[in-house]
Amino acid sequence: MKRVINYSAGPAAIPVEVLEQARDEMLDWNGTGCSVMEVSHRGKEYDALHMETMDLFRELAGLPKDYHVLFTTGGASTQFMMLPWNFLGNGKDKQADYILTGNWAKAAAKEAKRYGKVTTPANMELEGEKFVAIPKQSELALNPAAEYVHYTSNNTVCGTQWQYIPDVKGKPLVCDMSSDIFSRPLDFTKFSMFYAGAQKNLGPSGVTVVAMKNDFLTKAIDDLPTMMSYKVFKDKQSMHNTPPCFSIYILNLTMKWLKKNGGLAAMGKINDQKQKLLYAAADNSAGFYQGLAKIDSRSWMNIDFKLPKAELDEAFIKAAKAAGIVQTKGYRSMGGIRLSAYNAVSLKDVQTTIQFMDDFRAKNS
């Protein structure tokens, strides 16, 4: 068996140690004689796993007891709808701020417009779908009437990332952290709510983790379809219906792996090294590798660049695959190359990639 270096933007690489444990427990999990996919979610074995996973998430995020951890389905895209439906209703009279820094931020705002008025403190779109910068705090024109302020912490398509938590003047702050959650230390208590599809840094697709402060949750409206209500998810411990048990199991193993390896502080140091090495390889290439994002807005997770000619982009992708480095093609609206260096991509993987980049440049300059 040969493992490749996987730069997929999502579903993304999962730590090998986690995959190996899941393999070993596939037929007999926790002494049950069954896979975790086969046991009842109402049974004591799964219940213990479910609650432990919530506690692990709180521990890693440093959340106090007044935060609820919810396991939902439908990816972050379903949160784009659930959030405004719960907090704006559908009367169109309430307002919310959406800071537009990328494709997924735009998608979230589009859904919110179905339920209330969306105001935009900043819109960083330049041409078409190209976003290359994050706004400065001084550039945010916040709406005093907004029920909450929403932003996307990392933009997988365009390779930008917030390097600060915006000050929203006491308004509830909500963040889509799908593509950089648990990649480095952060003061998560500054958020009234944050959420993430698991398939970047937390495990496989199928589960979305939502963390919400209780005083924000109490403001959610009550008259909602059962499976769209955050209050129902909280009251039923995310088990009103059958949860995505296997995805939560892998989430559990991934967080244990993260904790075992030093938690967010240690992971932040490794990810900082990774991004500095990759950007240095591009910046020191005499223009052969051209970064797409503004330097002060560069993502640690999604490193985007172009080569001098489009045909070289394709040659790079093909040669990288032959060298065991896969999923390097940039998003369709951006083109170029995208290296999604999530937590499971090791420092050694990055060093091997940089050697490939240097060799490719030497052969094609």
Protein backbone atom coordinates (compact mmCIF):
# COMPACT_ATOMS: atom_id res chain seq x y z
CA MET A 1 0.00 0.00 0.00
CA LYS A 2 1.27 3.43 -0.90
CA ARG A 3 -0.13 6.55 0.76
CA VAL A 4 0.07 9.76 -1.27
CA ILE A 5 0.52 13.31 -0.05
CA ASN A 6 -3.07 14.52 -0.20
CA TYR A 7 -3.80 18.23 -0.65
CA SER A 8 -7.54 17.77 -1.22
CA ALA A 9 -9.56 20.80 -0.14
CA GLY A 10 -12.26 18.51 1.26
CA PRO A 11 -13.04 15.84 2.05
CA ALA A 12 -9.45 16.12 3.13
CA ALA A 13 -6.67 13.98 4.53
CA ILE A 14 -7.34 12.21 7.84
CA PRO A 15 -4.45 11.27 10.15
CA VAL A 16 -3.16 7.79 9.31
CA GLU A 17 -3.23 6.82 12.98
CA VAL A 18 -6.96 7.57 13.05
CA LEU A 19 -7.62 5.55 9.89
CA GLU A 20 -5.63 2.62 11.26
CA GLN A 21 -7.62 2.56 14.50
CA ALA A 22 -10.90 2.77 12.60
CA ARG A 23 -9.75 -0.13 10.41
CA ASP A 24 -8.80 -2.24 13.42
CA GLU A 25 -12.14 -1.55 15.13
CA MET A 26 -14.31 -1.89 12.04
CA LEU A 27 -15.70 -5.33 12.89
CA ASP A 28 -15.55 -5.14 16.68
CA TRP A 29 -15.84 -1.69 18.21
CA ASN A 30 -15.40 -1.30 21.96
CA GLY A 31 -15.95 -5.01 22.58
CA THR A 32 -19.48 -4.95 21.17
CA GLY A 33 -18.78 -7.46 18.40
CA CYS A 34 -20.23 -4.88 15.99
CA SER A 35 -19.03 -1.90 14.03
CA VAL A 36 -19.85 1.49 15.52
CA MET A 37 -22.12 1.82 12.47
CA GLU A 38 -24.18 -1.15 13.64
CA VAL A 39 -24.92 -0.38 17.29
CA SER A 40 -27.99 1.48 18.49
CA HIS A 41 -27.53 5.18 18.99
CA ARG A 42 -29.78 4.75 22.03
CA GLY A 43 -27.45 2.18 23.59
CA LYS A 44 -25.05 2.95 26.42
CA GLU A 45 -21.93 2.24 24.31
CA TYR A 46 -22.73 4.80 21.64
CA ASP A 47 -24.14 7.29 24.16
CA ALA A 48 -20.81 7.28 26.01
CA LEU A 49 -18.93 7.95 22.75
CA HIS A 50 -21.34 10.73 21.78
CA MET A 51 -21.05 12.59 25.07
CA GLU A 52 -17.27 12.09 25.23
CA THR A 53 -16.96 13.64 21.78
CA MET A 54 -18.87 16.74 22.89
CA ASP A 55 -16.61 17.03 25.95
CA LEU A 56 -13.46 16.62 23.84
CA PHE A 57 -14.59 19.43 21.57
CA ARG A 58 -15.26 21.74 24.53
CA GLU A 59 -11.88 20.86 26.03
CA LEU A 60 -9.88 21.53 22.87
CA ALA A 61 -11.74 24.79 22.22
CA GLY A 62 -11.47 25.90 25.85
CA LEU A 63 -15.22 26.45 26.09
CA PRO A 64 -16.92 27.08 29.44
CA LYS A 65 -20.06 25.18 30.45
CA ASP A 66 -22.42 27.78 29.04
CA TYR A 67 -21.59 26.63 25.50
CA HIS A 68 -23.60 23.84 23.88
CA VAL A 69 -21.99 21.50 21.34
CA LEU A 70 -24.34 20.20 18.65
CA PHE A 71 -23.85 17.57 15.96
CA THR A 72 -25.87 18.33 12.83
CA THR A 73 -25.91 17.09 9.26
CA GLY A 74 -26.08 18.78 5.87
CA GLY A 75 -22.65 20.39 6.06
CA ALA A 76 -21.97 24.07 6.65
CA SER A 77 -24.38 24.83 3.80
CA THR A 78 -27.32 23.76 5.97
CA GLN A 79 -26.07 26.12 8.69
CA PHE A 80 -26.32 28.92 6.12
CA MET A 81 -30.08 28.36 6.29
CA MET A 82 -30.54 27.21 9.90
CA LEU A 83 -28.79 30.21 11.43
CA PRO A 84 -30.98 32.96 9.91
CA TRP A 85 -34.13 30.88 10.21
CA ASN A 86 -33.51 30.46 13.95
CA PHE A 87 -32.50 34.05 14.65
CA LEU A 88 -34.21 36.16 11.99
CA GLY A 89 -37.34 34.09 11.50
CA ASN A 90 -39.12 34.69 8.24
CA GLY A 91 -40.84 37.97 8.85
CA LYS A 92 -38.20 39.91 6.88
CA ASP A 93 -38.09 42.62 9.55
CA LYS A 94 -34.87 41.56 11.30
CA GLN A 95 -31.36 42.30 10.05
CA ALA A 96 -27.97 40.59 10.11
CA ASP A 97 -24.46 41.57 9.06
CA TYR A 98 -22.57 39.30 6.63
CA ILE A 99 -18.94 40.12 5.84
CA LEU A 100 -18.20 38.95 2.30
CA THR A 101 -14.69 37.60 1.85
CA GLY A 102 -15.21 34.58 -0.39
CA ASN A 103 -17.55 32.23 -2.21
CA TRP A 104 -18.88 30.52 0.91
CA ALA A 105 -19.45 33.83 2.69
CA LYS A 106 -21.54 34.89 -0.31
CA ALA A 107 -23.46 31.62 -0.18
CA ALA A 108 -24.24 32.14 3.51
CA ALA A 109 -25.49 35.67 2.85
CA LYS A 110 -27.64 34.49 -0.05
CA GLU A 111 -29.48 32.05 2.23
CA ALA A 112 -29.89 34.64 4.99
CA LYS A 113 -31.67 36.99 2.57
CA ARG A 114 -34.56 34.52 2.52
CA TYR A 115 -35.28 35.27 6.19
CA GLY A 116 -34.34 38.87 6.82
CA LYS A 117 -32.42 41.89 5.62
CA VAL A 118 -28.71 41.30 5.04
CA THR A 119 -26.32 44.18 5.45
CA THR A 120 -22.68 44.00 4.40
CA PRO A 121 -19.99 45.59 6.59
CA ALA A 122 -17.41 44.80 3.90
CA ASN A 123 -17.41 43.17 0.47
CA MET A 124 -13.97 42.10 -0.75
CA GLU A 125 -15.04 40.81 -4.16
CA LEU A 126 -13.04 42.28 -7.02
CA GLU A 127 -14.01 40.63 -10.29
CA GLY A 128 -16.38 37.73 -10.70
CA GLU A 129 -15.72 35.34 -7.85
CA LYS A 130 -12.18 36.52 -7.06
CA PHE A 131 -11.50 37.56 -3.47
CA VAL A 132 -7.88 38.22 -2.56
CA ALA A 133 -7.93 40.13 0.75
CA ILE A 134 -9.46 40.29 4.22
CA PRO A 135 -10.82 43.66 5.41
CA LYS A 136 -9.09 45.57 8.17
CA GLN A 137 -11.01 46.31 11.35
CA SER A 138 -11.23 49.99 10.34
CA GLU A 139 -12.95 49.00 7.08
CA LEU A 140 -15.92 47.26 8.74
CA ALA A 141 -19.10 49.33 8.53
CA LEU A 142 -21.17 47.47 11.11
CA ASN A 143 -24.96 47.77 11.26
CA PRO A 144 -26.15 48.74 14.78
CA ALA A 145 -29.50 47.04 14.09
CA ALA A 146 -27.99 43.66 13.19
CA GLU A 147 -29.05 40.65 15.27
CA TYR A 148 -25.61 39.09 14.71
CA VAL A 149 -22.48 39.44 12.60
CA HIS A 150 -21.39 36.50 10.44
CA TYR A 151 -18.05 35.90 8.79
CA THR A 152 -16.05 33.03 7.29
CA SER A 153 -12.67 32.62 8.97
CA ASN A 154 -10.87 30.91 6.09
CA ASN A 155 -11.69 30.91 2.39
CA THR A 156 -10.82 27.64 0.69
CA VAL A 157 -11.41 28.89 -2.84
CA CYS A 158 -9.29 32.02 -2.84
CA GLY A 159 -6.76 31.17 -0.13
CA THR A 160 -7.43 34.00 2.31
CA GLN A 161 -7.82 33.86 6.08
CA TRP A 162 -8.67 36.25 8.87
CA GLN A 163 -5.59 36.86 11.00
CA TYR A 164 -7.65 38.55 13.71
CA ILE A 165 -11.08 38.15 15.30
CA PRO A 166 -13.17 41.17 14.33
CA ASP A 167 -14.48 43.46 17.04
CA VAL A 168 -18.23 43.67 16.41
CA LYS A 169 -19.03 46.13 19.18
CA GLY A 170 -20.90 43.75 21.45
CA LYS A 171 -23.05 42.11 18.79
CA PRO A 172 -23.24 38.30 18.72
CA LEU A 173 -20.39 37.08 16.53
CA VAL A 174 -20.96 33.98 14.38
CA CYS A 175 -18.25 32.27 12.37
CA ASP A 176 -18.08 29.56 9.73
CA MET A 177 -14.77 27.85 10.60
CA SER A 178 -15.16 24.85 8.31
CA SER A 179 -11.72 25.04 6.76
CA ASP A 180 -9.46 26.18 9.59
CA ILE A 181 -11.07 25.02 12.83
CA PHE A 182 -8.59 23.65 15.40
CA SER A 183 -5.64 24.56 13.18
CA ARG A 184 -4.20 26.91 15.82
CA PRO A 185 -5.11 28.43 19.20
CA LEU A 186 -7.98 30.89 19.21
CA ASP A 187 -10.12 32.56 21.83
CA PHE A 188 -13.33 30.73 20.97
CA THR A 189 -15.21 32.47 23.79
CA LYS A 190 -15.37 35.59 21.61
CA PHE A 191 -17.97 33.82 19.47
CA SER A 192 -21.64 33.46 20.27
CA MET A 193 -21.69 30.66 17.74
CA PHE A 194 -19.22 28.92 15.45
CA TYR A 195 -19.62 25.92 13.22
CA ALA A 196 -17.62 23.68 10.93
CA GLY A 197 -18.19 20.86 8.51
CA ALA A 198 -15.88 18.10 9.74
CA GLN A 199 -14.32 17.20 6.42
CA LYS A 200 -11.29 19.51 6.58
CA ASN A 201 -9.63 19.22 10.01
CA LEU A 202 -12.07 17.22 12.12
CA GLY A 203 -12.69 13.99 10.23
CA PRO A 204 -14.97 12.83 7.41
CA SER A 205 -17.95 14.47 5.79
CA GLY A 206 -21.33 13.72 7.31
CA VAL A 207 -21.25 15.67 10.57
CA THR A 208 -21.15 19.40 11.21
CA VAL A 209 -20.17 20.64 14.66
CA VAL A 210 -21.96 23.69 16.02
CA ALA A 211 -20.88 25.40 19.25
CA MET A 212 -23.28 27.97 20.65
CA LYS A 213 -23.35 30.11 23.77
CA ASN A 214 -26.47 29.63 25.83
CA ASP A 215 -27.44 33.31 25.96
CA PHE A 216 -27.45 33.38 22.15
CA LEU A 217 -29.38 30.13 21.86
CA THR A 218 -32.17 31.48 24.09
CA LYS A 219 -32.86 34.14 21.43
CA ALA A 220 -33.71 31.52 18.81
CA ILE A 221 -37.35 31.39 17.81
CA ASP A 222 -39.44 28.37 18.81
CA ASP A 223 -41.86 27.88 15.93
CA LEU A 224 -39.58 25.92 13.59
CA PRO A 225 -39.59 22.51 11.93
CA THR A 226 -38.18 20.06 14.46
CA MET A 227 -34.95 19.24 12.62
CA MET A 228 -34.23 22.90 11.89
CA SER A 229 -34.35 24.03 15.53
CA TYR A 230 -31.13 24.57 17.46
CA LYS A 231 -33.15 24.32 20.66
CA VAL A 232 -34.26 20.81 19.72
CA PHE A 233 -30.68 19.77 18.98
CA LYS A 234 -29.64 21.13 22.37
CA ASP A 235 -32.51 19.61 24.33
CA LYS A 236 -32.08 16.20 22.67
CA GLN A 237 -28.26 16.21 22.82
CA SER A 238 -28.24 16.03 19.00
CA MET A 239 -30.05 12.66 19.13
CA HIS A 240 -33.64 13.54 18.32
CA ASN A 241 -33.12 11.30 15.31
CA THR A 242 -30.27 8.95 14.43
CA PRO A 243 -27.03 10.98 14.34
CA PRO A 244 -24.20 10.32 11.84
CA CYS A 245 -22.61 7.81 14.21
CA PHE A 246 -19.58 6.81 12.14
CA SER A 247 -18.65 10.42 11.34
CA ILE A 248 -18.90 11.32 15.03
CA TYR A 249 -16.73 8.30 15.88
CA ILE A 250 -13.99 9.48 13.49
CA LEU A 251 -14.39 13.01 14.87
CA ASN A 252 -13.77 11.52 18.32
CA LEU A 253 -10.61 9.71 17.19
CA THR A 254 -9.33 12.79 15.33
CA MET A 255 -9.70 15.00 18.40
CA LYS A 256 -7.95 12.39 20.54
CA TRP A 257 -5.12 12.38 18.00
CA LEU A 258 -4.97 16.16 18.18
CA LYS A 259 -4.96 16.14 21.99
CA LYS A 260 -2.29 13.42 22.09
CA ASN A 261 -0.06 15.51 19.83
CA GLY A 262 -0.16 18.66 21.97
CA GLY A 263 -3.53 20.20 21.17
CA LEU A 264 -4.07 23.47 19.35
CA ALA A 265 -0.86 25.09 20.58
CA ALA A 266 1.32 22.36 19.09
CA MET A 267 -0.76 22.14 15.92
CA GLY A 268 -0.57 25.91 15.47
CA LYS A 269 3.23 25.81 15.58
CA ILE A 270 3.37 23.05 12.96
CA ASN A 271 0.86 24.76 10.68
CA ASP A 272 2.77 28.03 10.99
CA GLN A 273 5.94 26.27 9.85
CA LYS A 274 4.11 24.62 6.97
CA GLN A 275 2.60 27.81 5.60
CA LYS A 276 5.84 29.78 5.95
CA LEU A 277 7.78 27.12 4.05
CA LEU A 278 5.22 26.86 1.25
CA TYR A 279 4.86 30.62 0.76
CA ALA A 280 8.63 31.07 0.91
CA ALA A 281 9.02 28.47 -1.84
CA ALA A 282 6.65 30.50 -4.00
CA ASP A 283 7.96 33.95 -3.07
CA ASN A 284 11.58 32.95 -3.67
CA SER A 285 10.91 31.40 -7.08
CA ALA A 286 11.70 34.56 -9.08
CA GLY A 287 8.08 34.85 -10.17
CA PHE A 288 7.67 31.25 -11.32
CA TYR A 289 5.11 30.58 -8.58
CA GLN A 290 2.83 33.61 -8.20
CA GLY A 291 0.73 33.85 -5.04
CA LEU A 292 -2.93 34.86 -5.50
CA ALA A 293 -3.87 36.31 -2.10
CA LYS A 294 -2.58 39.54 -0.58
CA ILE A 295 0.33 38.79 1.73
CA ASP A 296 -1.37 40.00 4.92
CA SER A 297 -4.47 37.92 4.11
CA ARG A 298 -2.84 34.63 3.18
CA SER A 299 -4.41 31.43 4.40
CA TRP A 300 -2.44 28.94 6.45
CA MET A 301 -4.68 26.17 5.17
CA ASN A 302 -5.11 26.80 1.43
CA ILE A 303 -1.99 27.98 -0.35
CA ASP A 304 -2.94 29.22 -3.84
CA PHE A 305 -0.57 30.21 -6.65
CA LYS A 306 -0.27 30.28 -10.41
CA LEU A 307 2.54 29.46 -12.78
CA PRO A 308 3.58 31.74 -15.70
CA LYS A 309 1.36 29.89 -18.21
CA ALA A 310 -1.83 27.88 -17.82
CA GLU A 311 -0.25 24.91 -19.56
CA LEU A 312 2.40 24.87 -16.84
CA ASP A 313 -0.36 24.63 -14.23
CA GLU A 314 -1.57 21.46 -15.92
CA ALA A 315 1.95 20.10 -16.24
CA PHE A 316 2.53 20.76 -12.53
CA ILE A 317 -0.64 18.89 -11.56
CA LYS A 318 0.28 15.91 -13.75
CA ALA A 319 3.90 15.76 -12.57
CA ALA A 320 2.88 16.15 -8.92
CA LYS A 321 0.48 13.21 -9.21
CA ALA A 322 3.23 11.09 -10.74
CA ALA A 323 5.40 12.02 -7.74
CA GLY A 324 2.69 10.95 -5.29
CA ILE A 325 1.37 14.46 -4.55
CA VAL A 326 -2.33 14.68 -5.40
CA GLN A 327 -5.32 17.04 -5.44
CA THR A 328 -3.26 20.11 -6.32
CA LYS A 329 -5.59 21.69 -8.89
CA GLY A 330 -6.93 25.14 -8.01
CA TYR A 331 -10.63 25.90 -7.71
CA ARG A 332 -12.31 26.33 -11.10
CA SER A 333 -12.95 30.08 -10.71
CA MET A 334 -9.36 30.75 -9.59
CA GLY A 335 -7.29 28.36 -11.66
CA GLY A 336 -3.68 27.66 -10.81
CA ILE A 337 -2.57 25.42 -7.96
CA ARG A 338 -4.09 24.97 -4.51
CA LEU A 339 -2.29 23.12 -1.72
CA SER A 340 -4.70 22.53 1.15
CA ALA A 341 -2.31 21.87 4.02
CA TYR A 342 -4.80 20.85 6.72
CA ASN A 343 -3.79 19.32 10.04
CA ALA A 344 -3.26 15.80 8.69
CA VAL A 345 -0.71 17.04 6.12
CA SER A 346 2.59 16.66 7.93
CA LEU A 347 5.62 18.93 7.97
CA LYS A 348 7.51 16.16 6.17
CA ASP A 349 4.82 16.12 3.46
CA VAL A 350 5.31 19.86 2.97
CA GLN A 351 9.10 19.52 2.80
CA THR A 352 8.74 16.80 0.16
CA THR A 353 6.35 19.05 -1.78
CA ILE A 354 8.78 21.96 -1.70
CA GLN A 355 11.54 19.76 -3.10
CA PHE A 356 9.16 18.79 -5.90
CA MET A 357 8.33 22.47 -6.54
CA ASP A 358 12.03 23.36 -6.75
CA ASP A 359 12.73 20.49 -9.12
CA PHE A 360 9.73 21.32 -11.32
CA ARG A 361 10.80 24.96 -11.54
CA ALA A 362 14.36 23.99 -12.47
CA LYS A 363 13.06 21.83 -15.32
CA ASN A 364 10.48 24.32 -16.63
CA SER A 365 11.94 27.80 -16.16
